[in-house]
PDB file of N, CA and C in Angstrom:
ATOM      1  N   UNK A   1       0.848  -1.174   0.000  1.00  0.00           N
ATOM      2  CA  UNK A   1       0.000   0.000   0.000  1.00  0.00           C
ATOM      3  C   UNK A   1       0.894   1.238   0.000  1.00  0.00           C
ATOM      4  N   UNK A   2       0.396   2.277  -0.598  1.00  0.00           N
ATOM      5  CA  UNK A   2       1.097   3.562  -0.573  1.00  0.00           C
ATOM      6  C   UNK A   2       0.515   4.363   0.586  1.00  0.00           C
ATOM      7  N   UNK A   3       1.370   4.899   1.437  1.00  0.00           N
ATOM      8  CA  UNK A   3       0.922   5.605   2.632  1.00  0.00           C
ATOM      9  C   UNK A   3       1.198   7.092   2.502  1.00  0.00           C
ATOM     10  N   UNK A   4       0.159   7.881   2.721  1.00  0.00           N
ATOM     11  CA  UNK A   4       0.267   9.345   2.659  1.00  0.00           C
ATOM     12  C   UNK A   4      -0.174   9.877   4.017  1.00  0.00           C
ATOM     13  N   UNK A   5       0.617  10.525   4.772  1.00  0.00           N
ATOM     14  CA  UNK A   5       2.007  10.846   4.557  1.00  0.00           C
ATOM     15  C   UNK A   5       2.801  10.387   5.782  1.00  0.00           C
ATOM     16  N   UNK A   6       3.920   9.754   5.525  1.00  0.00           N
ATOM     17  CA  UNK A   6       4.759   9.257   6.612  1.00  0.00           C
ATOM     18  C   UNK A   6       5.198  10.391   7.531  1.00  0.00           C
ATOM     19  N   UNK A   7       5.341  11.574   6.967  1.00  0.00           N
ATOM     20  CA  UNK A   7       5.768  12.732   7.754  1.00  0.00           C
ATOM     21  C   UNK A   7       4.863  12.932   8.980  1.00  0.00           C
ATOM     22  N   UNK A   8       3.574  12.667   8.828  1.00  0.00           N
ATOM     23  CA  UNK A   8       2.624  12.810   9.937  1.00  0.00           C
ATOM     24  C   UNK A   8       3.031  11.919  11.105  1.00  0.00           C
ATOM     25  N   UNK A   9       3.448  10.691  10.810  1.00  0.00           N
ATOM     26  CA  UNK A   9       3.882   9.770  11.865  1.00  0.00           C
ATOM     27  C   UNK A   9       5.165  10.268  12.524  1.00  0.00           C
ATOM     28  N   UNK A  10       6.108  10.710  11.699  1.00  0.00           N
ATOM     29  CA  UNK A  10       7.377  11.225  12.232  1.00  0.00           C
ATOM     30  C   UNK A  10       7.153  12.442  13.121  1.00  0.00           C
ATOM     31  N   UNK A  11       6.325  13.364  12.655  1.00  0.00           N
ATOM     32  CA  UNK A  11       6.059  14.583  13.425  1.00  0.00           C
ATOM     33  C   UNK A  11       5.370  14.267  14.747  1.00  0.00           C
ATOM     34  N   UNK A  12       4.476  13.289  14.733  1.00  0.00           N
ATOM     35  CA  UNK A  12       3.814  12.918  15.978  1.00  0.00           C
ATOM     36  C   UNK A  12       4.828  12.339  16.965  1.00  0.00           C
ATOM     37  N   UNK A  13       5.699  11.441  16.482  1.00  0.00           N
ATOM     38  CA  UNK A  13       6.721  10.859  17.354  1.00  0.00           C
ATOM     39  C   UNK A  13       7.638  11.957  17.905  1.00  0.00           C
ATOM     40  N   UNK A  14       8.011  12.908  17.056  1.00  0.00           N
ATOM     41  CA  UNK A  14       8.862  14.012  17.504  1.00  0.00           C
ATOM     42  C   UNK A  14       8.149  14.879  18.546  1.00  0.00           C
ATOM     43  N   UNK A  15       6.833  15.005  18.432  1.00  0.00           N
ATOM     44  CA  UNK A  15       6.081  15.824  19.389  1.00  0.00           C
ATOM     45  C   UNK A  15       6.096  15.222  20.788  1.00  0.00           C
ATOM     46  N   UNK A  16       6.481  13.961  20.892  1.00  0.00           N
ATOM     47  CA  UNK A  16       6.549  13.291  22.185  1.00  0.00           C
ATOM     48  C   UNK A  16       7.944  13.371  22.804  1.00  0.00           C
ATOM     49  N   UNK A  17       8.809  14.196  22.247  1.00  0.00           N
ATOM     50  CA  UNK A  17      10.184  14.327  22.764  1.00  0.00           C
ATOM     51  C   UNK A  17      10.143  14.569  24.268  1.00  0.00           C
ATOM     52  N   UNK A  18      10.952  13.806  24.981  1.00  0.00           N
ATOM     53  CA  UNK A  18      11.008  13.936  26.428  1.00  0.00           C
ATOM     54  C   UNK A  18       9.964  13.093  27.149  1.00  0.00           C
ATOM     55  N   UNK A  19       9.009  12.551  26.422  1.00  0.00           N
ATOM     56  CA  UNK A  19       7.960  11.716  27.003  1.00  0.00           C
ATOM     57  C   UNK A  19       8.473  10.279  27.082  1.00  0.00           C
ATOM     58  N   UNK A  20       8.202   9.606  28.164  1.00  0.00           N
ATOM     59  CA  UNK A  20       8.743   8.246  28.335  1.00  0.00           C
ATOM     60  C   UNK A  20       8.205   7.258  27.309  1.00  0.00           C
ATOM     61  N   UNK A  21       7.035   7.545  26.731  1.00  0.00           N
ATOM     62  CA  UNK A  21       6.448   6.653  25.718  1.00  0.00           C
ATOM     63  C   UNK A  21       7.087   6.796  24.340  1.00  0.00           C
ATOM     64  N   UNK A  22       7.815   7.881  24.110  1.00  0.00           N
ATOM     65  CA  UNK A  22       8.275   8.196  22.758  1.00  0.00           C
ATOM     66  C   UNK A  22       8.988   7.039  22.045  1.00  0.00           C
ATOM     67  N   UNK A  23       9.995   6.399  22.661  1.00  0.00           N
ATOM     68  CA  UNK A  23      10.674   5.322  21.923  1.00  0.00           C
ATOM     69  C   UNK A  23       9.730   4.188  21.511  1.00  0.00           C
ATOM     70  N   UNK A  24       8.827   3.804  22.395  1.00  0.00           N
ATOM     71  CA  UNK A  24       7.899   2.710  22.087  1.00  0.00           C
ATOM     72  C   UNK A  24       6.898   3.127  21.021  1.00  0.00           C
ATOM     73  N   UNK A  25       6.409   4.364  21.093  1.00  0.00           N
ATOM     74  CA  UNK A  25       5.455   4.853  20.091  1.00  0.00           C
ATOM     75  C   UNK A  25       6.130   4.944  18.730  1.00  0.00           C
ATOM     76  N   UNK A  26       7.342   5.487  18.699  1.00  0.00           N
ATOM     77  CA  UNK A  26       8.075   5.600  17.427  1.00  0.00           C
ATOM     78  C   UNK A  26       8.303   4.213  16.827  1.00  0.00           C
ATOM     79  N   UNK A  27       8.714   3.255  17.646  1.00  0.00           N
ATOM     80  CA  UNK A  27       8.950   1.890  17.161  1.00  0.00           C
ATOM     81  C   UNK A  27       7.655   1.270  16.634  1.00  0.00           C
ATOM     82  N   UNK A  28       6.554   1.489  17.344  1.00  0.00           N
ATOM     83  CA  UNK A  28       5.265   0.928  16.910  1.00  0.00           C
ATOM     84  C   UNK A  28       4.817   1.545  15.594  1.00  0.00           C
ATOM     85  N   UNK A  29       4.981   2.863  15.454  1.00  0.00           N
ATOM     86  CA  UNK A  29       4.590   3.531  14.207  1.00  0.00           C
ATOM     87  C   UNK A  29       5.480   3.126  13.043  1.00  0.00           C
ATOM     88  N   UNK A  30       6.777   2.987  13.303  1.00  0.00           N
ATOM     89  CA  UNK A  30       7.699   2.533  12.247  1.00  0.00           C
ATOM     90  C   UNK A  30       7.332   1.123  11.784  1.00  0.00           C
ATOM     91  N   UNK A  31       7.012   0.250  12.748  1.00  0.00           N
ATOM     92  CA  UNK A  31       6.637  -1.127  12.407  1.00  0.00           C
ATOM     93  C   UNK A  31       5.332  -1.141  11.608  1.00  0.00           C
ATOM     94  N   UNK A  32       4.358  -0.344  12.041  1.00  0.00           N
ATOM     95  CA  UNK A  32       3.082  -0.263  11.320  1.00  0.00           C
ATOM     96  C   UNK A  32       3.326   0.210   9.884  1.00  0.00           C
ATOM     97  N   UNK A  33       4.133   1.240   9.731  1.00  0.00           N
ATOM     98  CA  UNK A  33       4.415   1.781   8.399  1.00  0.00           C
ATOM     99  C   UNK A  33       5.013   0.700   7.498  1.00  0.00           C
ATOM    100  N   UNK A  34       6.020  -0.005   7.998  1.00  0.00           N
ATOM    101  CA  UNK A  34       6.681  -1.037   7.183  1.00  0.00           C
ATOM    102  C   UNK A  34       5.720  -2.169   6.817  1.00  0.00           C
ATOM    103  N   UNK A  35       4.892  -2.593   7.774  1.00  0.00           N
ATOM    104  CA  UNK A  35       3.943  -3.676   7.514  1.00  0.00           C
ATOM    105  C   UNK A  35       2.899  -3.261   6.483  1.00  0.00           C
ATOM    106  N   UNK A  36       2.351  -2.065   6.637  1.00  0.00           N
ATOM    107  CA  UNK A  36       1.291  -1.608   5.734  1.00  0.00           C
ATOM    108  C   UNK A  36       1.857  -1.328   4.344  1.00  0.00           C
ATOM    109  N   UNK A  37       3.079  -0.828   4.294  1.00  0.00           N
ATOM    110  CA  UNK A  37       3.702  -0.566   2.992  1.00  0.00           C
ATOM    111  C   UNK A  37       3.822  -1.857   2.183  1.00  0.00           C
ATOM    112  N   UNK A  38       4.069  -2.964   2.852  1.00  0.00           N
ATOM    113  CA  UNK A  38       4.200  -4.260   2.164  1.00  0.00           C
ATOM    114  C   UNK A  38       2.850  -4.932   1.897  1.00  0.00           C
ATOM    115  N   UNK A  39       1.806  -4.473   2.580  1.00  0.00           N
ATOM    116  CA  UNK A  39       0.486  -5.108   2.463  1.00  0.00           C
ATOM    117  C   UNK A  39      -0.135  -4.852   1.090  1.00  0.00           C
ATOM    118  N   UNK A  40      -1.035  -5.731   0.712  1.00  0.00           N
ATOM    119  CA  UNK A  40      -1.811  -5.580  -0.525  1.00  0.00           C
ATOM    120  C   UNK A  40      -3.276  -5.803  -0.162  1.00  0.00           C
ATOM    121  N   UNK A  41      -3.824  -4.889   0.619  1.00  0.00           N
ATOM    122  CA  UNK A  41      -5.204  -5.037   1.063  1.00  0.00           C
ATOM    123  C   UNK A  41      -6.178  -4.802  -0.078  1.00  0.00           C
ATOM    124  N   UNK A  42      -7.141  -5.708  -0.219  1.00  0.00           N
ATOM    125  CA  UNK A  42      -8.182  -5.575  -1.235  1.00  0.00           C
ATOM    126  C   UNK A  42      -9.518  -5.173  -0.614  1.00  0.00           C
ATOM    127  N   UNK A  43      -9.634  -5.376   0.711  1.00  0.00           N
ATOM    128  CA  UNK A  43     -10.880  -5.046   1.414  1.00  0.00           C
ATOM    129  C   UNK A  43     -10.611  -4.990   2.917  1.00  0.00           C
ATOM    130  N   UNK A  44     -11.632  -4.617   3.673  1.00  0.00           N
ATOM    131  CA  UNK A  44     -11.439  -4.476   5.118  1.00  0.00           C
ATOM    132  C   UNK A  44     -11.159  -5.816   5.798  1.00  0.00           C
ATOM    133  N   UNK A  45     -11.628  -6.907   5.233  1.00  0.00           N
ATOM    134  CA  UNK A  45     -11.331  -8.226   5.808  1.00  0.00           C
ATOM    135  C   UNK A  45      -9.827  -8.508   5.776  1.00  0.00           C
ATOM    136  N   UNK A  46      -9.155  -8.039   4.723  1.00  0.00           N
ATOM    137  CA  UNK A  46      -7.692  -8.198   4.656  1.00  0.00           C
ATOM    138  C   UNK A  46      -7.014  -7.449   5.799  1.00  0.00           C
ATOM    139  N   UNK A  47      -7.530  -6.264   6.123  1.00  0.00           N
ATOM    140  CA  UNK A  47      -6.963  -5.491   7.234  1.00  0.00           C
ATOM    141  C   UNK A  47      -7.158  -6.251   8.533  1.00  0.00           C
ATOM    142  N   UNK A  48      -8.359  -6.782   8.763  1.00  0.00           N
ATOM    143  CA  UNK A  48      -8.651  -7.508  10.005  1.00  0.00           C
ATOM    144  C   UNK A  48      -7.787  -8.757  10.140  1.00  0.00           C
ATOM    145  N   UNK A  49      -7.435  -9.376   9.016  1.00  0.00           N
ATOM    146  CA  UNK A  49      -6.554 -10.545   9.082  1.00  0.00           C
ATOM    147  C   UNK A  49      -5.169 -10.149   9.596  1.00  0.00           C
ATOM    148  N   UNK A  50      -4.701  -8.961   9.222  1.00  0.00           N
ATOM    149  CA  UNK A  50      -3.390  -8.476   9.655  1.00  0.00           C
ATOM    150  C   UNK A  50      -3.453  -7.818  11.028  1.00  0.00           C
ATOM    151  N   UNK A  51      -4.543  -7.114  11.296  1.00  0.00           N
ATOM    152  CA  UNK A  51      -4.697  -6.333  12.531  1.00  0.00           C
ATOM    153  C   UNK A  51      -6.063  -6.637  13.134  1.00  0.00           C
ATOM    154  N   UNK A  52      -6.126  -7.693  13.926  1.00  0.00           N
ATOM    155  CA  UNK A  52      -7.402  -8.128  14.503  1.00  0.00           C
ATOM    156  C   UNK A  52      -8.052  -7.052  15.367  1.00  0.00           C
ATOM    157  N   UNK A  53      -7.244  -6.175  15.978  1.00  0.00           N
ATOM    158  CA  UNK A  53      -7.806  -5.151  16.857  1.00  0.00           C
ATOM    159  C   UNK A  53      -8.173  -3.859  16.123  1.00  0.00           C
ATOM    160  N   UNK A  54      -7.922  -3.811  14.825  1.00  0.00           N
ATOM    161  CA  UNK A  54      -8.305  -2.617  14.061  1.00  0.00           C
ATOM    162  C   UNK A  54      -9.825  -2.492  14.061  1.00  0.00           C
ATOM    163  N   UNK A  55     -10.301  -1.254  14.117  1.00  0.00           N
ATOM    164  CA  UNK A  55     -11.745  -1.004  14.058  1.00  0.00           C
ATOM    165  C   UNK A  55     -12.098  -0.493  12.666  1.00  0.00           C
ATOM    166  N   UNK A  56     -12.979  -1.213  12.002  1.00  0.00           N
ATOM    167  CA  UNK A  56     -13.439  -0.792  10.686  1.00  0.00           C
ATOM    168  C   UNK A  56     -14.650   0.106  10.931  1.00  0.00           C
ATOM    169  N   UNK A  57     -14.471   1.401  10.741  1.00  0.00           N
ATOM    170  CA  UNK A  57     -15.509   2.382  11.053  1.00  0.00           C
ATOM    171  C   UNK A  57     -16.502   2.508   9.902  1.00  0.00           C
ATOM    172  N   UNK A  58     -15.981   2.483   8.684  1.00  0.00           N
ATOM    173  CA  UNK A  58     -16.819   2.570   7.487  1.00  0.00           C
ATOM    174  C   UNK A  58     -16.092   1.826   6.379  1.00  0.00           C
ATOM    175  N   UNK A  59     -16.637   1.904   5.180  1.00  0.00           N
ATOM    176  CA  UNK A  59     -16.012   1.200   4.055  1.00  0.00           C
ATOM    177  C   UNK A  59     -14.577   1.646   3.837  1.00  0.00           C
ATOM    178  N   UNK A  60     -14.257   2.880   4.273  1.00  0.00           N
ATOM    179  CA  UNK A  60     -12.901   3.369   4.025  1.00  0.00           C
ATOM    180  C   UNK A  60     -12.180   3.887   5.266  1.00  0.00           C
ATOM    181  N   UNK A  61     -12.838   4.046   6.394  1.00  0.00           N
ATOM    182  CA  UNK A  61     -12.192   4.566   7.622  1.00  0.00           C
ATOM    183  C   UNK A  61     -11.828   3.414   8.546  1.00  0.00           C
ATOM    184  N   UNK A  62     -10.563   3.408   8.984  1.00  0.00           N
ATOM    185  CA  UNK A  62     -10.064   2.360   9.865  1.00  0.00           C
ATOM    186  C   UNK A  62      -9.286   2.998  11.004  1.00  0.00           C
ATOM    187  N   UNK A  63      -9.437   2.442  12.200  1.00  0.00           N
ATOM    188  CA  UNK A  63      -8.706   2.919  13.367  1.00  0.00           C
ATOM    189  C   UNK A  63      -7.798   1.802  13.852  1.00  0.00           C
ATOM    190  N   UNK A  64      -6.513   2.133  14.002  1.00  0.00           N
ATOM    191  CA  UNK A  64      -5.523   1.177  14.512  1.00  0.00           C
ATOM    192  C   UNK A  64      -5.131   1.577  15.926  1.00  0.00           C
ATOM    193  N   UNK A  65      -4.941   0.569  16.765  1.00  0.00           N
ATOM    194  CA  UNK A  65      -4.425   0.793  18.111  1.00  0.00           C
ATOM    195  C   UNK A  65      -2.906   0.814  18.033  1.00  0.00           C
ATOM    196  N   UNK A  66      -2.297   1.760  18.736  1.00  0.00           N
ATOM    197  CA  UNK A  66      -0.839   1.895  18.748  1.00  0.00           C
ATOM    198  C   UNK A  66      -0.362   1.795  20.196  1.00  0.00           C
ATOM    199  N   UNK A  67       0.685   1.047  20.394  1.00  0.00           N
ATOM    200  CA  UNK A  67       1.270   0.868  21.727  1.00  0.00           C
ATOM    201  C   UNK A  67       0.211   0.445  22.735  1.00  0.00           C
ATOM    202  N   UNK A  68      -0.355  -0.719  22.499  1.00  0.00           N
ATOM    203  CA  UNK A  68      -1.321  -1.282  23.431  1.00  0.00           C
ATOM    204  C   UNK A  68      -2.550  -0.427  23.637  1.00  0.00           C
ATOM    205  N   UNK A  69      -2.978   0.254  22.592  1.00  0.00           N
ATOM    206  CA  UNK A  69      -4.189   1.060  22.612  1.00  0.00           C
ATOM    207  C   UNK A  69      -4.048   2.369  23.402  1.00  0.00           C
ATOM    208  N   UNK A  70      -2.826   2.740  23.771  1.00  0.00           N
ATOM    209  CA  UNK A  70      -2.608   4.038  24.432  1.00  0.00           C
ATOM    210  C   UNK A  70      -2.781   5.170  23.426  1.00  0.00           C
ATOM    211  N   UNK A  71      -2.547   4.860  22.148  1.00  0.00           N
ATOM    212  CA  UNK A  71      -2.658   5.833  21.065  1.00  0.00           C
ATOM    213  C   UNK A  71      -3.534   5.241  19.976  1.00  0.00           C
ATOM    214  N   UNK A  72      -4.110   6.111  19.156  1.00  0.00           N
ATOM    215  CA  UNK A  72      -4.961   5.679  18.052  1.00  0.00           C
ATOM    216  C   UNK A  72      -4.498   6.338  16.762  1.00  0.00           C
ATOM    217  N   UNK A  73      -4.587   5.590  15.680  1.00  0.00           N
ATOM    218  CA  UNK A  73      -4.224   6.062  14.349  1.00  0.00           C
ATOM    219  C   UNK A  73      -5.434   5.867  13.441  1.00  0.00           C
ATOM    220  N   UNK A  74      -5.936   6.963  12.885  1.00  0.00           N
ATOM    221  CA  UNK A  74      -7.105   6.918  12.004  1.00  0.00           C
ATOM    222  C   UNK A  74      -6.622   7.092  10.572  1.00  0.00           C
ATOM    223  N   UNK A  75      -7.056   6.187   9.700  1.00  0.00           N
ATOM    224  CA  UNK A  75      -6.667   6.265   8.292  1.00  0.00           C
ATOM    225  C   UNK A  75      -7.899   6.107   7.397  1.00  0.00           C
ATOM    226  N   UNK A  76      -7.752   6.579   6.180  1.00  0.00           N
ATOM    227  CA  UNK A  76      -8.726   6.312   5.122  1.00  0.00           C
ATOM    228  C   UNK A  76      -8.025   5.411   4.117  1.00  0.00           C
ATOM    229  N   UNK A  77      -8.742   4.436   3.596  1.00  0.00           N
ATOM    230  CA  UNK A  77      -8.146   3.472   2.674  1.00  0.00           C
ATOM    231  C   UNK A  77      -8.909   3.472   1.355  1.00  0.00           C
ATOM    232  N   UNK A  78      -8.157   3.576   0.259  1.00  0.00           N
ATOM    233  CA  UNK A  78      -8.717   3.396  -1.075  1.00  0.00           C
ATOM    234  C   UNK A  78      -8.162   2.067  -1.575  1.00  0.00           C
ATOM    235  N   UNK A  79      -8.964   1.019  -1.438  1.00  0.00           N
ATOM    236  CA  UNK A  79      -8.498  -0.323  -1.802  1.00  0.00           C
ATOM    237  C   UNK A  79      -8.191  -0.433  -3.283  1.00  0.00           C
ATOM    238  N   UNK A  80      -9.004   0.190  -4.123  1.00  0.00           N
ATOM    239  CA  UNK A  80      -8.800   0.129  -5.563  1.00  0.00           C
ATOM    240  C   UNK A  80      -7.448   0.703  -5.981  1.00  0.00           C
ATOM    241  N   UNK A  81      -7.098   1.850  -5.408  1.00  0.00           N
ATOM    242  CA  UNK A  81      -5.841   2.514  -5.757  1.00  0.00           C
ATOM    243  C   UNK A  81      -4.668   2.069  -4.888  1.00  0.00           C
ATOM    244  N   UNK A  82      -4.954   1.336  -3.807  1.00  0.00           N
ATOM    245  CA  UNK A  82      -3.884   0.869  -2.933  1.00  0.00           C
ATOM    246  C   UNK A  82      -3.247   1.994  -2.130  1.00  0.00           C
ATOM    247  N   UNK A  83      -4.083   2.932  -1.662  1.00  0.00           N
ATOM    248  CA  UNK A  83      -3.563   4.080  -0.925  1.00  0.00           C
ATOM    249  C   UNK A  83      -4.170   4.132   0.481  1.00  0.00           C
ATOM    250  N   UNK A  84      -3.318   4.453   1.462  1.00  0.00           N
ATOM    251  CA  UNK A  84      -3.744   4.662   2.844  1.00  0.00           C
ATOM    252  C   UNK A  84      -3.391   6.101   3.203  1.00  0.00           C
ATOM    253  N   UNK A  85      -4.406   6.895   3.577  1.00  0.00           N
ATOM    254  CA  UNK A  85      -4.185   8.282   3.983  1.00  0.00           C
ATOM    255  C   UNK A  85      -4.255   8.370   5.495  1.00  0.00           C
ATOM    256  N   UNK A  86      -3.217   8.895   6.116  1.00  0.00           N
ATOM    257  CA  UNK A  86      -3.243   9.109   7.552  1.00  0.00           C
ATOM    258  C   UNK A  86      -4.099  10.341   7.816  1.00  0.00           C
ATOM    259  N   UNK A  87      -5.155  10.166   8.605  1.00  0.00           N
ATOM    260  CA  UNK A  87      -6.099  11.247   8.865  1.00  0.00           C
ATOM    261  C   UNK A  87      -5.899  11.869  10.243  1.00  0.00           C
ATOM    262  N   UNK A  88      -5.480  11.053  11.214  1.00  0.00           N
ATOM    263  CA  UNK A  88      -5.349  11.573  12.578  1.00  0.00           C
ATOM    264  C   UNK A  88      -4.536  10.582  13.406  1.00  0.00           C
ATOM    265  N   UNK A  89      -3.758  11.128  14.348  1.00  0.00           N
ATOM    266  CA  UNK A  89      -3.066  10.282  15.325  1.00  0.00           C
ATOM    267  C   UNK A  89      -3.020  11.040  16.639  1.00  0.00           C
ATOM    268  N   UNK A  90      -3.231  10.325  17.721  1.00  0.00           N
ATOM    269  CA  UNK A  90      -3.208  10.959  19.033  1.00  0.00           C
ATOM    270  C   UNK A  90      -3.443   9.947  20.136  1.00  0.00           C
ATOM    271  N   UNK A  91      -3.576  10.470  21.343  1.00  0.00           N
ATOM    272  CA  UNK A  91      -3.808   9.587  22.487  1.00  0.00           C
ATOM    273  C   UNK A  91      -5.228   9.034  22.432  1.00  0.00           C
ATOM    274  N   UNK A  92      -5.436   7.956  23.146  1.00  0.00           N
ATOM    275  CA  UNK A  92      -6.769   7.375  23.213  1.00  0.00           C
ATOM    276  C   UNK A  92      -7.740   8.394  23.822  1.00  0.00           C
ATOM    277  N   UNK A  93      -7.279   9.138  24.817  1.00  0.00           N
ATOM    278  CA  UNK A  93      -8.114  10.168  25.453  1.00  0.00           C
ATOM    279  C   UNK A  93      -8.540  11.226  24.435  1.00  0.00           C
ATOM    280  N   UNK A  94      -7.587  11.692  23.610  1.00  0.00           N
ATOM    281  CA  UNK A  94      -7.916  12.676  22.574  1.00  0.00           C
ATOM    282  C   UNK A  94      -8.847  12.076  21.513  1.00  0.00           C
ATOM    283  N   UNK A  95      -8.651  10.802  21.222  1.00  0.00           N
ATOM    284  CA  UNK A  95      -9.483  10.100  20.233  1.00  0.00           C
ATOM    285  C   UNK A  95     -10.956  10.147  20.638  1.00  0.00           C
ATOM    286  N   UNK A  96     -11.203  10.032  21.938  1.00  0.00           N
ATOM    287  CA  UNK A  96     -12.582  10.041  22.428  1.00  0.00           C
ATOM    288  C   UNK A  96     -13.282  11.371  22.164  1.00  0.00           C
ATOM    289  N   UNK A  97     -12.526  12.406  21.827  1.00  0.00           N
ATOM    290  CA  UNK A  97     -13.099  13.744  21.588  1.00  0.00           C
ATOM    291  C   UNK A  97     -13.303  14.074  20.103  1.00  0.00           C
ATOM    292  N   UNK A  98     -12.940  13.168  19.215  1.00  0.00           N
ATOM    293  CA  UNK A  98     -13.057  13.466  17.782  1.00  0.00           C
ATOM    294  C   UNK A  98     -14.193  12.667  17.152  1.00  0.00           C
ATOM    295  N   UNK A  99     -14.620  13.122  15.980  1.00  0.00           N
ATOM    296  CA  UNK A  99     -15.558  12.341  15.159  1.00  0.00           C
ATOM    297  C   UNK A  99     -14.711  11.601  14.137  1.00  0.00           C
ATOM    298  N   UNK A 100     -14.537  10.325  14.366  1.00  0.00           N
ATOM    299  CA  UNK A 100     -13.613   9.537  13.552  1.00  0.00           C
ATOM    300  C   UNK A 100     -14.024   9.496  12.079  1.00  0.00           C
ATOM    301  N   UNK A 101     -15.301   9.686  11.796  1.00  0.00           N
ATOM    302  CA  UNK A 101     -15.743   9.643  10.396  1.00  0.00           C
ATOM    303  C   UNK A 101     -15.438  10.925   9.638  1.00  0.00           C
ATOM    304  N   UNK A 102     -15.177  12.006  10.373  1.00  0.00           N
ATOM    305  CA  UNK A 102     -14.963  13.313   9.738  1.00  0.00           C
ATOM    306  C   UNK A 102     -13.555  13.870   9.889  1.00  0.00           C
ATOM    307  N   UNK A 103     -12.811  13.407  10.886  1.00  0.00           N
ATOM    308  CA  UNK A 103     -11.515  14.008  11.219  1.00  0.00           C
ATOM    309  C   UNK A 103     -10.562  13.973  10.020  1.00  0.00           C
ATOM    310  N   UNK A 104      -9.836  15.056   9.854  1.00  0.00           N
ATOM    311  CA  UNK A 104      -8.817  15.175   8.815  1.00  0.00           C
ATOM    312  C   UNK A 104      -7.530  15.603   9.482  1.00  0.00           C
ATOM    313  N   UNK A 105      -6.391  15.242   8.913  1.00  0.00           N
ATOM    314  CA  UNK A 105      -5.110  15.645   9.491  1.00  0.00           C
ATOM    315  C   UNK A 105      -5.089  17.156   9.683  1.00  0.00           C
ATOM    316  N   UNK A 106      -4.666  17.550  10.873  1.00  0.00           N
ATOM    317  CA  UNK A 106      -4.607  18.972  11.176  1.00  0.00           C
ATOM    318  C   UNK A 106      -5.941  19.509  11.653  1.00  0.00           C
ATOM    319  N   UNK A 107      -6.958  18.627  11.729  1.00  0.00           N
ATOM    320  CA  UNK A 107      -8.288  19.092  12.095  1.00  0.00           C
ATOM    321  C   UNK A 107      -8.745  18.703  13.430  1.00  0.00           C
TER     322      UNK A 107
END
């Protein structure tokens, strides 16, 4: 899959500088990026096979748990084009305050 944009993951990890979770979060995001980049998802069932704890919100919105569900990563997936757009990343607490179906990066 093509992931847009890795910079969002890097910037989020950098924003945790000095936080004790930072190394684990960065490692988890790097691992997720590498796994998804190699994936060839054709539908949401393919995602669930790779990530059983992922939440399929709609035909194209998916939420991944990061670092034991302490953080959440919201993406949009275009299966036909093989593209994953990072829409939002943050703590689980912050996730509870967003509308996962509408959230956009920076929003």
